[in-house]
Protein backbone atom coordinates (compact mmCIF):
# COMPACT_ATOMS: atom_id res chain seq x y z
CA MET A 1 -208.72 7.67 -13.20
CA PRO A 2 -209.34 11.31 -12.39
CA GLN A 3 -209.73 12.34 -8.78
CA PHE A 4 -213.35 13.10 -7.78
CA ASP A 5 -214.83 11.01 -10.59
CA VAL A 6 -218.04 9.20 -9.70
CA TYR A 7 -218.68 5.54 -10.46
CA LYS A 8 -221.74 3.36 -10.15
CA ASN A 9 -221.51 0.92 -7.29
CA ASN A 10 -221.58 -2.47 -8.98
CA ASN A 11 -221.86 -4.44 -5.74
CA LYS A 12 -225.39 -5.86 -5.74
CA ASN A 13 -225.37 -6.13 -1.92
CA THR A 14 -224.65 -2.44 -1.30
CA ARG A 15 -225.69 -0.47 -4.37
CA THR A 16 -229.23 0.24 -3.17
CA ALA A 17 -227.94 2.12 -0.14
CA PHE A 18 -224.79 3.42 -1.82
CA PRO A 19 -225.49 3.91 -5.52
CA TYR A 20 -222.22 5.75 -6.24
CA LEU A 21 -218.58 5.72 -5.22
CA VAL A 22 -216.33 8.78 -5.45
CA ASP A 23 -212.69 8.15 -6.33
CA ILE A 24 -210.71 10.48 -4.07
CA GLN A 25 -207.23 9.15 -4.81
CA HIS A 26 -204.82 11.52 -6.51
CA GLN A 27 -203.51 10.50 -9.93
CA ILE A 28 -199.92 10.72 -8.72
CA ILE A 29 -200.40 7.28 -7.15
CA SER A 30 -202.43 5.78 -9.97
CA ASP A 31 -200.03 2.84 -10.34
CA LEU A 32 -201.51 1.18 -7.25
CA ALA A 33 -203.89 -1.73 -7.80
CA THR A 34 -206.43 -0.10 -5.49
CA ARG A 35 -208.31 3.20 -5.34
CA LEU A 36 -209.54 5.13 -2.31
CA VAL A 37 -213.28 5.71 -2.57
CA ILE A 38 -216.04 7.22 -0.49
CA PRO A 39 -219.59 5.97 -0.96
CA MET A 40 -222.41 8.40 -1.65
CA GLY A 41 -225.70 7.54 0.03
CA LYS A 42 -229.11 8.83 -0.98
CA PHE A 43 -229.89 11.86 1.16
CA ASP A 44 -233.43 10.67 1.91
CA THR A 45 -232.03 7.39 3.26
CA PHE A 46 -229.16 8.87 5.28
CA SER A 47 -230.43 12.33 6.29
CA ASP A 48 -230.21 11.33 9.96
CA LYS A 49 -226.47 10.72 9.47
CA ASN A 50 -225.83 14.25 8.26
CA ILE A 51 -222.91 15.68 10.20
CA GLN A 52 -222.32 18.66 7.93
CA ARG A 53 -218.52 18.74 7.97
CA LEU A 54 -218.04 14.96 8.00
CA THR A 55 -220.88 13.87 5.72
CA PRO A 56 -221.56 16.85 3.45
CA ARG A 57 -224.51 17.00 1.12
CA ILE A 58 -223.37 16.46 -2.47
CA THR A 59 -225.39 17.28 -5.56
CA PHE A 60 -224.88 14.84 -8.39
CA ASP A 61 -227.05 14.29 -11.44
CA ASP A 62 -229.67 16.67 -9.99
CA GLN A 63 -230.03 14.46 -6.89
CA GLN A 64 -228.94 14.98 -3.28
CA TYR A 65 -226.53 12.53 -1.63
CA LEU A 66 -224.45 12.41 1.51
CA LEU A 67 -220.75 11.81 1.15
CA LEU A 68 -220.29 9.07 3.73
CA THR A 69 -216.72 9.91 4.68
CA PRO A 70 -216.61 7.56 7.72
CA GLN A 71 -217.01 4.70 5.24
CA LEU A 72 -213.88 5.59 3.28
CA THR A 73 -212.37 2.41 1.87
CA SER A 74 -210.16 1.08 -0.87
CA ILE A 75 -211.27 -1.21 -3.65
CA PRO A 76 -209.46 -2.85 -6.54
CA SER A 77 -209.23 -0.30 -9.34
CA HIS A 78 -210.55 -2.77 -11.92
CA LEU A 79 -213.93 -2.69 -10.12
CA LEU A 80 -214.37 0.96 -11.07
CA LYS A 81 -215.69 0.65 -14.57
CA GLU A 82 -216.73 3.75 -16.50
CA SER A 83 -217.00 7.13 -14.80
CA VAL A 84 -220.53 8.52 -14.83
CA GLY A 85 -219.50 12.04 -13.91
CA THR A 86 -217.48 14.11 -11.50
CA ILE A 87 -217.93 16.13 -8.35
CA GLU A 88 -214.74 18.12 -8.99
CA MET A 89 -216.68 21.37 -8.52
CA GLN A 90 -217.49 20.22 -4.96
CA ARG A 91 -213.91 19.20 -4.14
CA ASP A 92 -213.72 21.60 -1.18
CA LEU A 93 -216.55 19.72 0.53
CA VAL A 94 -214.68 16.43 0.05
CA ILE A 95 -211.33 17.80 1.24
CA ASN A 96 -212.97 19.49 4.25
CA ALA A 97 -214.73 16.24 5.20
CA LEU A 98 -211.48 14.29 5.00
CA ASP A 99 -209.65 16.96 6.97
CA PHE A 100 -212.35 16.93 9.64
CA ALA A 101 -212.20 13.12 9.88
CA ILE A 102 -208.43 13.16 10.32
CA THR A 103 -207.77 16.32 12.33
CA GLY A 104 -211.14 17.21 13.86
CA ILE A 105 -210.76 20.70 12.48
């Protein structure tokens, strides 16, 4: 599972608010049964939660989303079905958001 791949959120209770999950876990620890993911929320729904460094705006599939870094979680890897794309080109935004959440810098 490549780092920064995007997956549809298959959880019927949360997929309206969080249509996609971004796999942020490095492949070096791919043997784990879980993956670290950050949900992406529709920008129109979460625009009031936009803290630029912590919840950066991500463009995916010609739509705007917020990377909801404070909601970082792990899920069983088998729940991530088929990748629907990647945000690899926006990796700096993801890394900066994680760094800000951990170090405040």
